[in-house]
C-alpha cells in the first residue's frame, strides 16, 4: 500500500490525496484498514486514488460534519461492491490534521 501511495503524483500543488488516505487509514479499525489497503492497491492508478479519496470525503467525512438537513453530493466510488460506512470511524478521534487534509483535498 505504501509503495502505491509513494508513487502517486499529485494533480496539483493542493492535491492532498496521499495525506487524506494515510490519515483515514490511521483512524480505521483493523478490518477497515485491510479494506482500504486493498482498495489503494487495486486502484493504484493516480486518477482512481484521487477518486477514492474524494469518495471518502464526499460520501463519509463531509456528511459527518454537515449540520442540519444539508447533504453533500457524493463522488462515485472507483470500486464496486464495497461500502464504507460511518461505523468504521470514531468521529471524535479525528485530528485537526485530518480535517485540514479534508479541507485541502476539497479546495
Protein backbone atom coordinates (compact mmCIF):
# COMPACT_ATOMS: atom_id res chain seq x y z
CA UNK A 1 0.00 0.00 0.00
CA UNK A 2 2.74 2.47 0.96
CA UNK A 3 4.58 1.83 -2.32
CA UNK A 4 1.41 2.67 -4.24
CA UNK A 5 0.88 5.87 -2.25
CA UNK A 6 4.55 6.85 -2.55
CA UNK A 7 4.33 6.57 -6.35
CA UNK A 8 1.29 8.86 -6.53
CA UNK A 9 1.89 12.07 -8.48
CA UNK A 10 -0.30 14.92 -7.16
CA UNK A 11 -2.63 16.52 -9.68
CA UNK A 12 -1.57 19.98 -8.49
CA UNK A 13 0.01 21.73 -5.51
CA UNK A 14 -3.18 21.48 -3.43
CA UNK A 15 -3.75 17.74 -4.07
CA UNK A 16 -3.59 16.03 -0.69
CA UNK A 17 -4.82 12.60 -1.81
CA UNK A 18 -1.99 10.69 -0.15
CA UNK A 19 -2.29 12.60 3.13
CA UNK A 20 -6.03 12.07 3.27
CA UNK A 21 -5.77 8.33 2.53
CA UNK A 22 -2.98 7.88 5.09
CA UNK A 23 -4.86 9.85 7.74
CA UNK A 24 -8.09 7.95 7.04
CA UNK A 25 -6.19 4.66 7.26
CA UNK A 26 -4.84 5.74 10.64
CA UNK A 27 -8.34 6.09 12.14
CA UNK A 28 -9.90 2.91 10.77
CA UNK A 29 -10.21 -0.25 12.83
CA UNK A 30 -8.15 -3.22 11.61
CA UNK A 31 -10.82 -4.57 9.25
CA UNK A 32 -11.38 -1.13 7.74
CA UNK A 33 -7.62 -0.71 7.29
CA UNK A 34 -7.47 -4.02 5.46
CA UNK A 35 -10.24 -2.96 3.06
CA UNK A 36 -8.75 0.48 2.47
CA UNK A 37 -5.29 -1.01 1.83
CA UNK A 38 -6.81 -3.46 -0.67
CA UNK A 39 -8.63 -0.62 -2.42
CA UNK A 40 -5.50 1.50 -2.62
CA UNK A 41 -3.50 -1.37 -4.11
CA UNK A 42 -6.28 -2.36 -6.55
CA UNK A 43 -6.98 1.22 -7.59
CA UNK A 44 -3.29 2.04 -7.97
CA UNK A 45 -3.70 4.49 -10.85
CA UNK A 46 -3.39 8.16 -9.97
CA UNK A 47 -6.88 9.13 -11.07
CA UNK A 48 -8.52 6.27 -9.17
CA UNK A 49 -6.62 7.06 -5.97
CA UNK A 50 -7.75 10.66 -6.20
CA UNK A 51 -11.32 9.49 -6.84
CA UNK A 52 -11.10 7.11 -3.86
CA UNK A 53 -10.03 9.99 -1.61
CA UNK A 54 -12.83 12.20 -2.97
CA UNK A 55 -15.33 9.41 -2.38
CA UNK A 56 -14.25 9.13 1.26
CA UNK A 57 -14.60 12.90 1.69
CA UNK A 58 -17.97 13.33 -0.01
CA UNK A 59 -19.54 10.02 0.97
CA UNK A 60 -18.41 9.76 4.56
CA UNK A 61 -16.47 12.61 6.12
CA UNK A 62 -18.43 15.60 4.84
CA UNK A 63 -21.83 14.15 5.81
CA UNK A 64 -20.42 13.52 9.29
CA UNK A 65 -19.64 17.25 9.61
CA UNK A 66 -22.72 18.67 7.94
CA UNK A 67 -25.23 20.24 10.31
CA UNK A 68 -28.97 20.14 9.71
CA UNK A 69 -30.61 18.69 6.65
CA UNK A 70 -27.93 19.67 4.15
CA UNK A 71 -26.06 16.82 2.49
CA UNK A 72 -23.12 16.92 0.13
CA UNK A 73 -23.06 15.37 -3.33
CA UNK A 74 -21.22 12.06 -3.37
CA UNK A 75 -18.30 11.37 -5.69
CA UNK A 76 -18.81 7.90 -7.19
CA UNK A 77 -16.56 5.29 -5.68
CA UNK A 78 -13.87 3.93 -8.02
CA UNK A 79 -14.70 0.39 -6.92
CA UNK A 80 -17.95 -1.53 -6.92
CA UNK A 81 -19.35 -3.88 -4.33
CA UNK A 82 -17.77 -2.19 -1.33
CA UNK A 83 -19.32 0.23 1.09
CA UNK A 84 -17.56 2.47 3.55
CA UNK A 85 -19.89 3.13 6.44
CA UNK A 86 -19.75 5.60 9.23
CA UNK A 87 -19.45 2.71 11.69
CA UNK A 88 -15.83 2.31 10.54
CA UNK A 89 -14.87 5.64 12.07
CA UNK A 90 -14.78 7.13 15.51
CA UNK A 91 -15.78 10.68 14.55
CA UNK A 92 -14.48 12.25 17.75
CA UNK A 93 -10.99 10.82 17.27
CA UNK A 94 -10.23 12.75 14.05
CA UNK A 95 -7.27 15.05 14.48
CA UNK A 96 -7.05 18.65 13.35
CA UNK A 97 -4.57 17.44 10.72
CA UNK A 98 -7.18 15.03 9.34
CA UNK A 99 -9.79 17.76 8.95
CA UNK A 100 -7.15 20.04 7.37
CA UNK A 101 -6.32 17.28 4.88
CA UNK A 102 -10.01 17.06 4.02
CA UNK A 103 -10.25 20.83 3.50
CA UNK A 104 -7.12 20.78 1.31
CA UNK A 105 -8.46 17.94 -0.81
CA UNK A 106 -11.79 19.69 -1.36
CA UNK A 107 -10.18 23.03 -2.24
